C-alpha atoms as a PDB file:
ATOM      1  CA  MET A   1     111.967  82.162  56.986  1.00  0.00           C
ATOM      2  CA  ALA A   2     109.023  81.715  54.579  1.00  0.00           C
ATOM      3  CA  ALA A   3     107.010  84.790  53.721  1.00  0.00           C
ATOM      4  CA  HIS A   4     103.844  83.415  55.274  1.00  0.00           C
ATOM      5  CA  ASP A   5     105.332  81.940  58.446  1.00  0.00           C
ATOM      6  CA  PRO A   6     103.291  83.012  61.478  1.00  0.00           C
ATOM      7  CA  VAL A   7     104.795  85.716  63.614  1.00  0.00           C
ATOM      8  CA  PRO A   8     105.232  84.579  67.247  1.00  0.00           C
ATOM      9  CA  VAL A   9     102.801  86.304  69.554  1.00  0.00           C
ATOM     10  CA  GLU A  10     103.905  87.218  73.068  1.00  0.00           C
ATOM     11  CA  GLU A  11     101.823  85.327  75.601  1.00  0.00           C
ATOM     12  CA  PHE A  12      99.541  87.641  77.566  1.00  0.00           C
ATOM     13  CA  ASP A  13      99.376  87.066  81.309  1.00  0.00           C
ATOM     14  CA  TYR A  14      96.451  89.068  82.670  1.00  0.00           C
ATOM     15  CA  GLU A  15      96.663  88.014  86.314  1.00  0.00           C
ATOM     16  CA  ALA A  16      99.648  90.181  87.143  1.00  0.00           C
ATOM     17  CA  LEU A  17     100.904  93.466  85.871  1.00  0.00           C
ATOM     18  CA  ALA A  18     103.410  92.804  83.124  1.00  0.00           C
ATOM     19  CA  PRO A  19     107.019  92.107  84.137  1.00  0.00           C
ATOM     20  CA  ASN A  20     108.152  95.436  82.672  1.00  0.00           C
ATOM     21  CA  SER A  21     105.551  97.394  84.647  1.00  0.00           C
ATOM     22  CA  SER A  22     107.042  99.996  86.940  1.00  0.00           C
ATOM     23  CA  LEU A  23     106.303 100.469  90.608  1.00  0.00           C
ATOM     24  CA  TRP A  24     104.398 103.584  89.585  1.00  0.00           C
ATOM     25  CA  SER A  25     102.084 101.484  87.401  1.00  0.00           C
ATOM     26  CA  ASN A  26     101.190  99.304  90.376  1.00  0.00           C
ATOM     27  CA  MET A  27     100.664 102.328  92.578  1.00  0.00           C
ATOM     28  CA  LEU A  28      98.608 104.156  89.964  1.00  0.00           C
ATOM     29  CA  ALA A  29      96.279 101.181  89.558  1.00  0.00           C
ATOM     30  CA  GLY A  30      95.864 101.003  93.338  1.00  0.00           C
ATOM     31  CA  ALA A  31      95.267 104.735  93.682  1.00  0.00           C
ATOM     32  CA  PHE A  32      92.628 104.526  90.956  1.00  0.00           C
ATOM     33  CA  ALA A  33      90.880 101.761  92.900  1.00  0.00           C
ATOM     34  CA  GLY A  34      90.949 103.738  96.141  1.00  0.00           C
ATOM     35  CA  ILE A  35      89.573 106.905  94.571  1.00  0.00           C
ATOM     36  CA  ALA A  36      86.922 104.914  92.681  1.00  0.00           C
ATOM     37  CA  VAL A  37      85.649 103.455  95.950  1.00  0.00           C
ATOM     38  CA  ILE A  38      85.104 106.928  97.389  1.00  0.00           C
ATOM     39  CA  VAL A  39      83.589 108.500  94.265  1.00  0.00           C
ATOM     40  CA  LEU A  40      81.256 105.638  93.315  1.00  0.00           C
ATOM     41  CA  LYS A  41      80.133 104.988  96.885  1.00  0.00           C
ATOM     42  CA  ARG A  42      79.213 108.635  97.341  1.00  0.00           C
ATOM     43  CA  PHE A  43      77.197 108.535  94.106  1.00  0.00           C
ATOM     44  CA  VAL A  44      75.326 105.437  95.271  1.00  0.00           C
ATOM     45  CA  GLU A  45      74.840 106.910  98.738  1.00  0.00           C
ATOM     46  CA  ALA A  46      73.374 110.088  97.276  1.00  0.00           C
ATOM     47  CA  ARG A  47      70.741 108.040  95.464  1.00  0.00           C
ATOM     48  CA  GLU A  48      70.054 105.558  98.265  1.00  0.00           C
ATOM     49  CA  ALA A  49      69.919 107.648 101.414  1.00  0.00           C
ATOM     50  CA  HIS A  50      69.491 104.740 103.834  1.00  0.00           C
ATOM     51  CA  ARG A  51      72.988 103.559 102.927  1.00  0.00           C
ATOM     52  CA  THR A  52      74.655 106.862 103.711  1.00  0.00           C
ATOM     53  CA  LEU A  53      74.820 105.831 107.329  1.00  0.00           C
ATOM     54  CA  GLY A  54      77.838 103.684 106.358  1.00  0.00           C
ATOM     55  CA  THR A  55      80.873 104.337 108.518  1.00  0.00           C
ATOM     56  CA  LEU A  56      79.039 106.946 110.619  1.00  0.00           C
ATOM     57  CA  GLY A  57      76.555 104.334 111.823  1.00  0.00           C
ATOM     58  CA  ASP A  58      79.428 101.932 112.329  1.00  0.00           C
ATOM     59  CA  THR A  59      81.292 104.401 114.541  1.00  0.00           C
ATOM     60  CA  ARG A  60      78.244 105.638 116.494  1.00  0.00           C
ATOM     61  CA  SER A  61      77.023 102.073 117.129  1.00  0.00           C
ATOM     62  CA  GLN A  62      80.357 100.963 118.567  1.00  0.00           C
ATOM     63  CA  VAL A  63      81.046 103.809 121.014  1.00  0.00           C
ATOM     64  CA  ILE A  64      80.866 102.692 124.649  1.00  0.00           C
ATOM     65  CA  ASN A  65      78.672 104.779 127.005  1.00  0.00           C
ATOM     66  CA  PRO A  66      77.318 107.193 124.362  1.00  0.00           C
ATOM     67  CA  SER A  67      75.182 110.183 125.317  1.00  0.00           C
ATOM     68  CA  PRO A  68      71.431 109.422 125.589  1.00  0.00           C
ATOM     69  CA  SER A  69      70.736 111.186 122.291  1.00  0.00           C
ATOM     70  CA  ALA A  70      73.256 108.940 120.515  1.00  0.00           C
ATOM     71  CA  ILE A  71      71.672 105.599 121.419  1.00  0.00           C
ATOM     72  CA  TYR A  72      70.138 103.870 118.394  1.00  0.00           C
ATOM     73  CA  THR A  73      67.961 100.775 118.075  1.00  0.00           C
ATOM     74  CA  GLY A  74      69.077  99.955 114.553  1.00  0.00           C
ATOM     75  CA  ILE A  75      70.522 101.299 111.321  1.00  0.00           C
ATOM     76  CA  THR A  76      67.196 102.859 110.175  1.00  0.00           C
ATOM     77  CA  ASN A  77      66.601 104.468 113.569  1.00  0.00           C
ATOM     78  CA  ALA A  78      70.148 105.826 113.558  1.00  0.00           C
ATOM     79  CA  PHE A  79      69.659 107.293 110.084  1.00  0.00           C
ATOM     80  CA  THR A  80      66.423 109.086 110.943  1.00  0.00           C
ATOM     81  CA  THR A  81      67.653 110.260 114.355  1.00  0.00           C
ATOM     82  CA  ILE A  82      70.946 111.673 113.047  1.00  0.00           C
ATOM     83  CA  THR A  83      69.271 113.306 110.040  1.00  0.00           C
ATOM     84  CA  ARG A  84      66.581 114.930 112.199  1.00  0.00           C
ATOM     85  CA  ALA A  85      68.912 116.125 114.952  1.00  0.00           C
ATOM     86  CA  GLU A  86      72.059 117.018 113.007  1.00  0.00           C
ATOM     87  CA  GLY A  87      71.004 117.378 109.383  1.00  0.00           C
ATOM     88  CA  ALA A  88      71.598 115.177 106.358  1.00  0.00           C
ATOM     89  CA  ARG A  89      75.108 116.594 105.778  1.00  0.00           C
ATOM     90  CA  SER A  90      76.265 115.074 109.068  1.00  0.00           C
ATOM     91  CA  LEU A  91      75.990 111.625 107.488  1.00  0.00           C
ATOM     92  CA  TRP A  92      79.100 112.463 105.450  1.00  0.00           C
ATOM     93  CA  ARG A  93      81.044 113.896 108.375  1.00  0.00           C
ATOM     94  CA  GLY A  94      84.663 112.744 108.313  1.00  0.00           C
ATOM     95  CA  VAL A  95      84.517 111.506 104.712  1.00  0.00           C
ATOM     96  CA  THR A  96      87.027 114.180 103.609  1.00  0.00           C
ATOM     97  CA  SER A  97      89.689 112.524 105.728  1.00  0.00           C
ATOM     98  CA  VAL A  98      89.005 109.202 104.014  1.00  0.00           C
ATOM     99  CA  ILE A  99      89.155 110.797 100.561  1.00  0.00           C
ATOM    100  CA  VAL A 100      92.517 112.449 101.265  1.00  0.00           C
ATOM    101  CA  GLY A 101      94.075 109.231 102.532  1.00  0.00           C
ATOM    102  CA  ALA A 102      92.406 106.717 100.190  1.00  0.00           C
ATOM    103  CA  GLY A 103      94.467 107.340  97.050  1.00  0.00           C
ATOM    104  CA  PRO A 104      97.960 107.169  98.601  1.00  0.00           C
ATOM    105  CA  ALA A 105      97.007 104.320 100.949  1.00  0.00           C
ATOM    106  CA  HIS A 106      95.565 102.171  98.151  1.00  0.00           C
ATOM    107  CA  ALA A 107      98.576 102.935  95.971  1.00  0.00           C
ATOM    108  CA  VAL A 108     100.880 101.530  98.669  1.00  0.00           C
ATOM    109  CA  TYR A 109      98.391  98.710  99.347  1.00  0.00           C
ATOM    110  CA  PHE A 110      98.232  97.253  95.843  1.00  0.00           C
ATOM    111  CA  ALA A 111     101.875  97.933  94.994  1.00  0.00           C
ATOM    112  CA  THR A 112     102.897  95.877  98.035  1.00  0.00           C
ATOM    113  CA  TYR A 113     100.293  93.221  97.205  1.00  0.00           C
ATOM    114  CA  GLU A 114     101.619  92.723  93.672  1.00  0.00           C
ATOM    115  CA  ALA A 115     105.260  92.677  94.758  1.00  0.00           C
ATOM    116  CA  VAL A 116     104.784  90.089  97.524  1.00  0.00           C
ATOM    117  CA  LYS A 117     102.380  87.968  95.484  1.00  0.00           C
ATOM    118  CA  ASN A 118     104.857  87.814  92.607  1.00  0.00           C
ATOM    119  CA  ALA A 119     107.748  87.017  94.953  1.00  0.00           C
ATOM    120  CA  MET A 120     105.784  84.094  96.447  1.00  0.00           C
ATOM    121  CA  GLY A 121     104.818  82.658  93.068  1.00  0.00           C
ATOM    122  CA  GLY A 122     101.175  83.641  93.375  1.00  0.00           C
ATOM    123  CA  ASN A 123     100.939  84.659  89.714  1.00  0.00           C
ATOM    124  CA  ASP A 124     101.285  81.063  88.496  1.00  0.00           C
ATOM    125  CA  LEU A 125      97.847  80.446  86.954  1.00  0.00           C
ATOM    126  CA  LYS A 126      98.260  76.659  86.906  1.00  0.00           C
ATOM    127  CA  GLU A 127      97.888  76.364  90.686  1.00  0.00           C
ATOM    128  CA  HIS A 128      95.747  77.854  93.452  1.00  0.00           C
ATOM    129  CA  HIS A 129      97.859  79.901  95.888  1.00  0.00           C
ATOM    130  CA  PRO A 130      95.828  80.772  99.016  1.00  0.00           C
ATOM    131  CA  LEU A 131      98.961  81.212 101.162  1.00  0.00           C
ATOM    132  CA  ALA A 132     100.490  83.651  98.680  1.00  0.00           C
ATOM    133  CA  ALA A 133      97.207  85.568  98.528  1.00  0.00           C
ATOM    134  CA  ALA A 134      96.923  85.750 102.326  1.00  0.00           C
ATOM    135  CA  SER A 135     100.565  86.714 102.833  1.00  0.00           C
ATOM    136  CA  SER A 136     100.533  89.401 100.162  1.00  0.00           C
ATOM    137  CA  GLY A 137      97.328  90.816 101.629  1.00  0.00           C
ATOM    138  CA  ALA A 138      98.801  90.877 105.130  1.00  0.00           C
ATOM    139  CA  CYS A 139     101.956  92.675 103.978  1.00  0.00           C
ATOM    140  CA  ALA A 140      99.895  95.122 101.935  1.00  0.00           C
ATOM    141  CA  THR A 141      97.721  96.154 104.864  1.00  0.00           C
ATOM    142  CA  ILE A 142     100.678  96.567 107.242  1.00  0.00           C
ATOM    143  CA  ALA A 143     102.235  99.041 104.810  1.00  0.00           C
ATOM    144  CA  SER A 144      99.068 100.931 103.886  1.00  0.00           C
ATOM    145  CA  ASP A 145      97.686 101.160 107.438  1.00  0.00           C
ATOM    146  CA  ALA A 146     100.836 102.935 108.589  1.00  0.00           C
ATOM    147  CA  LEU A 147      99.823 105.701 106.194  1.00  0.00           C
ATOM    148  CA  MET A 148      96.040 105.516 106.675  1.00  0.00           C
ATOM    149  CA  ASN A 149      95.743 105.168 110.458  1.00  0.00           C
ATOM    150  CA  PRO A 150      95.991 108.921 111.259  1.00  0.00           C
ATOM    151  CA  PHE A 151      93.282 109.665 108.667  1.00  0.00           C
ATOM    152  CA  ASP A 152      91.089 106.975 110.219  1.00  0.00           C
ATOM    153  CA  VAL A 153      91.519 108.482 113.686  1.00  0.00           C
ATOM    154  CA  ILE A 154      90.487 111.897 112.356  1.00  0.00           C
ATOM    155  CA  LYS A 155      87.450 110.360 110.659  1.00  0.00           C
ATOM    156  CA  GLN A 156      86.372 108.661 113.898  1.00  0.00           C
ATOM    157  CA  ARG A 157      86.775 111.858 115.919  1.00  0.00           C
ATOM    158  CA  MET A 158      84.692 113.841 113.437  1.00  0.00           C
ATOM    159  CA  GLN A 159      81.924 111.211 113.370  1.00  0.00           C
ATOM    160  CA  ILE A 160      81.304 110.724 117.084  1.00  0.00           C
ATOM    161  CA  HIS A 161      78.236 112.372 118.560  1.00  0.00           C
ATOM    162  CA  GLY A 162      78.768 115.981 119.638  1.00  0.00           C
ATOM    163  CA  SER A 163      81.985 116.424 117.640  1.00  0.00           C
ATOM    164  CA  LYS A 164      82.906 120.101 117.226  1.00  0.00           C
ATOM    165  CA  HIS A 165      85.511 119.548 114.515  1.00  0.00           C
ATOM    166  CA  LYS A 166      84.618 121.240 111.234  1.00  0.00           C
ATOM    167  CA  THR A 167      87.651 120.346 109.091  1.00  0.00           C
ATOM    168  CA  ILE A 168      90.249 117.583 109.060  1.00  0.00           C
ATOM    169  CA  LEU A 169      93.075 120.062 109.711  1.00  0.00           C
ATOM    170  CA  ALA A 170      91.287 121.549 112.720  1.00  0.00           C
ATOM    171  CA  CYS A 171      90.607 118.065 114.054  1.00  0.00           C
ATOM    172  CA  ALA A 172      94.208 116.960 113.516  1.00  0.00           C
ATOM    173  CA  ARG A 173      95.582 120.037 115.267  1.00  0.00           C
ATOM    174  CA  GLN A 174      93.241 119.633 118.228  1.00  0.00           C
ATOM    175  CA  VAL A 175      94.008 115.934 118.673  1.00  0.00           C
ATOM    176  CA  TYR A 176      97.755 116.584 118.415  1.00  0.00           C
ATOM    177  CA  LYS A 177      97.590 119.472 120.883  1.00  0.00           C
ATOM    178  CA  ALA A 178      95.521 117.566 123.445  1.00  0.00           C
ATOM    179  CA  GLU A 179      96.962 114.052 123.139  1.00  0.00           C
ATOM    180  CA  GLY A 180     100.177 114.246 121.143  1.00  0.00           C
ATOM    181  CA  LEU A 181     101.369 112.278 118.108  1.00  0.00           C
ATOM    182  CA  LYS A 182     100.744 108.933 119.794  1.00  0.00           C
ATOM    183  CA  ALA A 183      96.971 109.533 119.569  1.00  0.00           C
ATOM    184  CA  PHE A 184      97.167 108.965 115.820  1.00  0.00           C
ATOM    185  CA  TYR A 185      98.846 105.582 116.296  1.00  0.00           C
ATOM    186  CA  ILE A 186      97.485 104.334 119.649  1.00  0.00           C
ATOM    187  CA  SER A 187      95.131 102.062 117.711  1.00  0.00           C
ATOM    188  CA  TYR A 188      97.665 101.004 115.048  1.00  0.00           C
ATOM    189  CA  PRO A 189      98.587  97.670 116.694  1.00  0.00           C
ATOM    190  CA  THR A 190      94.873  96.927 117.203  1.00  0.00           C
ATOM    191  CA  THR A 191      94.148  98.074 113.659  1.00  0.00           C
ATOM    192  CA  LEU A 192      96.725  95.590 112.375  1.00  0.00           C
ATOM    193  CA  CYS A 193      95.212  92.874 114.556  1.00  0.00           C
ATOM    194  CA  MET A 194      91.963  93.550 112.684  1.00  0.00           C
ATOM    195  CA  THR A 195      93.115  94.449 109.185  1.00  0.00           C
ATOM    196  CA  VAL A 196      95.743  91.721 108.806  1.00  0.00           C
ATOM    197  CA  PRO A 197      93.233  88.872 109.352  1.00  0.00           C
ATOM    198  CA  PHE A 198      90.565  90.872 107.479  1.00  0.00           C
ATOM    199  CA  THR A 199      92.778  91.335 104.421  1.00  0.00           C
ATOM    200  CA  ALA A 200      94.178  87.808 104.577  1.00  0.00           C
ATOM    201  CA  MET A 201      90.647  86.352 104.676  1.00  0.00           C
ATOM    202  CA  GLN A 202      89.422  88.774 102.016  1.00  0.00           C
ATOM    203  CA  PHE A 203      92.258  87.998  99.604  1.00  0.00           C
ATOM    204  CA  MET A 204      91.969  84.240 100.112  1.00  0.00           C
ATOM    205  CA  ALA A 205      88.204  84.407  99.610  1.00  0.00           C
ATOM    206  CA  TYR A 206      88.555  86.647  96.572  1.00  0.00           C
ATOM    207  CA  GLU A 207      91.131  84.422  94.907  1.00  0.00           C
ATOM    208  CA  SER A 208      89.110  81.266  95.682  1.00  0.00           C
ATOM    209  CA  ILE A 209      85.753  82.673  94.521  1.00  0.00           C
ATOM    210  CA  SER A 210      87.380  84.110  91.395  1.00  0.00           C
ATOM    211  CA  LYS A 211      88.941  80.752  90.572  1.00  0.00           C
ATOM    212  CA  VAL A 212      85.535  79.025  90.845  1.00  0.00           C
ATOM    213  CA  MET A 213      83.610  81.688  88.903  1.00  0.00           C
ATOM    214  CA  ASN A 214      86.284  82.332  86.292  1.00  0.00           C
ATOM    215  CA  PRO A 215      88.696  79.367  85.929  1.00  0.00           C
ATOM    216  CA  PRO A 216      90.646  80.872  82.979  1.00  0.00           C
ATOM    217  CA  ARG A 217      91.219  83.986  85.143  1.00  0.00           C
ATOM    218  CA  THR A 218      90.545  86.325  82.228  1.00  0.00           C
ATOM    219  CA  TYR A 219      89.318  89.875  82.803  1.00  0.00           C
ATOM    220  CA  ASP A 220      85.642  89.516  83.799  1.00  0.00           C
ATOM    221  CA  PRO A 221      83.950  92.524  85.476  1.00  0.00           C
ATOM    222  CA  LEU A 222      81.084  90.433  86.869  1.00  0.00           C
ATOM    223  CA  THR A 223      83.447  87.995  88.569  1.00  0.00           C
ATOM    224  CA  HIS A 224      85.575  90.761  90.057  1.00  0.00           C
ATOM    225  CA  CYS A 225      82.517  92.602  91.387  1.00  0.00           C
ATOM    226  CA  VAL A 226      80.735  89.572  92.888  1.00  0.00           C
ATOM    227  CA  ALA A 227      83.894  87.946  94.267  1.00  0.00           C
ATOM    228  CA  GLY A 228      85.059  91.251  95.727  1.00  0.00           C
ATOM    229  CA  GLY A 229      81.730  91.954  97.434  1.00  0.00           C
ATOM    230  CA  LEU A 230      81.334  88.458  98.907  1.00  0.00           C
ATOM    231  CA  ALA A 231      84.938  88.354 100.080  1.00  0.00           C
ATOM    232  CA  GLY A 232      84.638  91.757 101.747  1.00  0.00           C
ATOM    233  CA  GLY A 233      81.372  90.954 103.529  1.00  0.00           C
ATOM    234  CA  PHE A 234      82.731  87.623 104.762  1.00  0.00           C
ATOM    235  CA  ALA A 235      85.914  89.166 106.137  1.00  0.00           C
ATOM    236  CA  ALA A 236      84.118  92.184 107.634  1.00  0.00           C
ATOM    237  CA  GLY A 237      81.670  90.045 109.594  1.00  0.00           C
ATOM    238  CA  LEU A 238      84.372  87.863 111.108  1.00  0.00           C
ATOM    239  CA  THR A 239      86.558  90.794 112.175  1.00  0.00           C
ATOM    240  CA  THR A 240      83.823  92.980 113.707  1.00  0.00           C
ATOM    241  CA  PRO A 241      84.976  92.304 117.325  1.00  0.00           C
ATOM    242  CA  LEU A 242      88.403  93.733 116.532  1.00  0.00           C
ATOM    243  CA  ASP A 243      86.819  96.736 114.847  1.00  0.00           C
ATOM    244  CA  VAL A 244      84.791  97.460 118.002  1.00  0.00           C
ATOM    245  CA  ILE A 245      87.998  97.398 120.049  1.00  0.00           C
ATOM    246  CA  LYS A 246      89.718  99.678 117.535  1.00  0.00           C
ATOM    247  CA  THR A 247      86.852 102.183 117.707  1.00  0.00           C
ATOM    248  CA  LEU A 248      87.059 102.344 121.498  1.00  0.00           C
ATOM    249  CA  LEU A 249      90.783 103.081 121.350  1.00  0.00           C
ATOM    250  CA  GLN A 250      90.416 105.686 118.600  1.00  0.00           C
ATOM    251  CA  THR A 251      87.643 107.584 120.400  1.00  0.00           C
ATOM    252  CA  ARG A 252      88.872 107.186 123.982  1.00  0.00           C
ATOM    253  CA  GLY A 253      90.195 110.753 124.063  1.00  0.00           C
ATOM    254  CA  THR A 254      86.630 112.090 123.885  1.00  0.00           C
ATOM    255  CA  ALA A 255      85.175 109.772 126.539  1.00  0.00           C
ATOM    256  CA  GLU A 256      84.044 111.147 129.901  1.00  0.00           C
ATOM    257  CA  ASP A 257      84.432 107.715 131.493  1.00  0.00           C
ATOM    258  CA  VAL A 258      87.869 107.605 133.165  1.00  0.00           C
ATOM    259  CA  THR A 259      88.260 103.868 132.594  1.00  0.00           C
ATOM    260  CA  ILE A 260      87.664 104.177 128.856  1.00  0.00           C
ATOM    261  CA  ARG A 261      89.827 107.278 128.582  1.00  0.00           C
ATOM    262  CA  SER A 262      92.769 105.458 130.162  1.00  0.00           C
ATOM    263  CA  ALA A 263      92.501 102.301 128.002  1.00  0.00           C
ATOM    264  CA  ARG A 264      95.963 101.618 126.609  1.00  0.00           C
ATOM    265  CA  GLY A 265      95.764  98.562 124.426  1.00  0.00           C
ATOM    266  CA  LEU A 266      93.823  95.758 122.789  1.00  0.00           C
ATOM    267  CA  PHE A 267      93.324  93.519 125.823  1.00  0.00           C
ATOM    268  CA  GLU A 268      92.427  96.357 128.177  1.00  0.00           C
ATOM    269  CA  ALA A 269      89.885  97.694 125.677  1.00  0.00           C
ATOM    270  CA  ALA A 270      88.439  94.217 125.173  1.00  0.00           C
ATOM    271  CA  SER A 271      87.985  93.733 128.929  1.00  0.00           C
ATOM    272  CA  ILE A 272      86.102  97.047 129.151  1.00  0.00           C
ATOM    273  CA  ILE A 273      83.757  96.044 126.327  1.00  0.00           C
ATOM    274  CA  LYS A 274      83.054  92.646 127.882  1.00  0.00           C
ATOM    275  CA  ALA A 275      82.437  94.174 131.312  1.00  0.00           C
ATOM    276  CA  ARG A 276      80.026  96.815 129.982  1.00  0.00           C
ATOM    277  CA  ASN A 277      78.184  94.957 127.222  1.00  0.00           C
ATOM    278  CA  GLY A 278      79.056  91.278 127.458  1.00  0.00           C
ATOM    279  CA  TYR A 279      80.100  89.215 124.457  1.00  0.00           C
ATOM    280  CA  LEU A 280      77.358  90.762 122.308  1.00  0.00           C
ATOM    281  CA  GLY A 281      79.159  94.081 122.703  1.00  0.00           C
ATOM    282  CA  PHE A 282      81.877  92.806 120.383  1.00  0.00           C
ATOM    283  CA  PHE A 283      79.360  92.623 117.537  1.00  0.00           C
ATOM    284  CA  ARG A 284      77.901  96.099 117.843  1.00  0.00           C
ATOM    285  CA  GLY A 285      77.823  97.734 114.417  1.00  0.00           C
ATOM    286  CA  LEU A 286      77.972  94.378 112.594  1.00  0.00           C
ATOM    287  CA  GLN A 287      75.202  95.240 110.142  1.00  0.00           C
ATOM    288  CA  PRO A 288      76.475  98.654 108.977  1.00  0.00           C
ATOM    289  CA  ARG A 289      80.026  97.271 108.839  1.00  0.00           C
ATOM    290  CA  VAL A 290      79.064  94.432 106.490  1.00  0.00           C
ATOM    291  CA  ILE A 291      76.754  96.686 104.451  1.00  0.00           C
ATOM    292  CA  THR A 292      79.595  99.173 104.041  1.00  0.00           C
ATOM    293  CA  ALA A 293      82.287  96.572 103.317  1.00  0.00           C
ATOM    294  CA  MET A 294      80.529  94.665 100.536  1.00  0.00           C
ATOM    295  CA  PRO A 295      80.077  97.535  98.054  1.00  0.00           C
ATOM    296  CA  SER A 296      83.463  98.984  99.015  1.00  0.00           C
ATOM    297  CA  THR A 297      85.378  95.808  98.223  1.00  0.00           C
ATOM    298  CA  ALA A 298      83.257  95.117  95.138  1.00  0.00           C
ATOM    299  CA  ILE A 299      84.068  98.571  93.750  1.00  0.00           C
ATOM    300  CA  CYS A 300      87.705  98.398  94.840  1.00  0.00           C
ATOM    301  CA  TRP A 301      88.440  95.043  93.189  1.00  0.00           C
ATOM    302  CA  SER A 302      86.473  95.966  90.068  1.00  0.00           C
ATOM    303  CA  ALA A 303      88.368  99.238  89.692  1.00  0.00           C
ATOM    304  CA  TYR A 304      91.738  97.656  90.417  1.00  0.00           C
ATOM    305  CA  GLU A 305      91.257  94.792  87.961  1.00  0.00           C
ATOM    306  CA  LEU A 306      90.116  97.302  85.324  1.00  0.00           C
ATOM    307  CA  ALA A 307      93.212  99.446  85.853  1.00  0.00           C
ATOM    308  CA  LYS A 308      95.444  96.369  85.908  1.00  0.00           C
ATOM    309  CA  SER A 309      93.970  95.187  82.615  1.00  0.00           C
ATOM    310  CA  TYR A 310      94.473  98.652  81.112  1.00  0.00           C
ATOM    311  CA  PHE A 311      98.130  98.863  82.091  1.00  0.00           C
ATOM    312  CA  ASN A 312      98.769  95.393  80.679  1.00  0.00           C
ATOM    313  CA  ARG A 313      97.103  96.163  77.377  1.00  0.00           C
ATOM    314  CA  ALA A 314      97.817  99.873  76.893  1.00  0.00           C
ATOM    315  CA  PRO A 315     100.098 100.464  73.876  1.00  0.00           C
ATOM    316  CA  GLY A 316     103.122 102.667  74.316  1.00  0.00           C
ATOM    317  CA  ARG A 317     103.255 102.188  78.083  1.00  0.00           C
ATOM    318  CA  PRO A 318     106.665 103.344  79.361  1.00  0.00           C
ATOM    319  CA  LEU A 319     109.025 100.579  80.414  1.00  0.00           C
ATOM    320  CA  THR A 320     110.968 100.432  83.645  1.00  0.00           C
END
């Protein structure tokens, strides 16, 4: 070979973690994304107080037959009422449960996403693969929700009006003692009915928007942020009815209404909501849900794509 012959350069495929990436690399990138969502959202919320309502406003708005002091006319009214009556710290009630579960759940989430996407040929940059994106998203959420559902139940119980739970462990013990292990998974089928279409729509939207904004599919923080936010808001709005049903099932153990307390599944919960509030009842909490989802998914995708790019480029990364 001539002295000045060019040395072959290994082709760099950004879209997926490199073939020699370990399962731990996938999980670490996902865990980083999950933790980033929590940390960055709390920083933003601390500077923009009206957004701290987030999941608390979502939960409070969706509870059926709340106490008179927990009836709100809108997101601003809910913020001022809760702050005045319960203190500003109450706006973050239940967030510890989310923080504890976010890292492991996102690790499982994105590891499953990458594995299924690769198996279905979704990493072929020459074609658009909406089915692979939707399928990988659906499988990812089934796996991660099995881990996250108990943490979500605890969060809901700590956020409802009049909750006496001070810590996640105290809440978990009380729920287990009063209602048994099934209380942590009573809403799991309904959660999947919501999160599977939510994630499928989000992943399809994200992949499609990313392809339009960034055809070469190179690492582009602006594309990941905008596409992630739009995809999350779109999916959150369309799946709000299922989220309302999920909230009823997760908080039924605290309800004084016998009918609500005895609700056993998706269809029974849906019939209660329709009977009490009509079809509009299925869209209670729409605004805080979308407001919460857009920055969450924007941060999550941005953080994940950053970590994915790092693991692809980092020198000396251990091989499988």
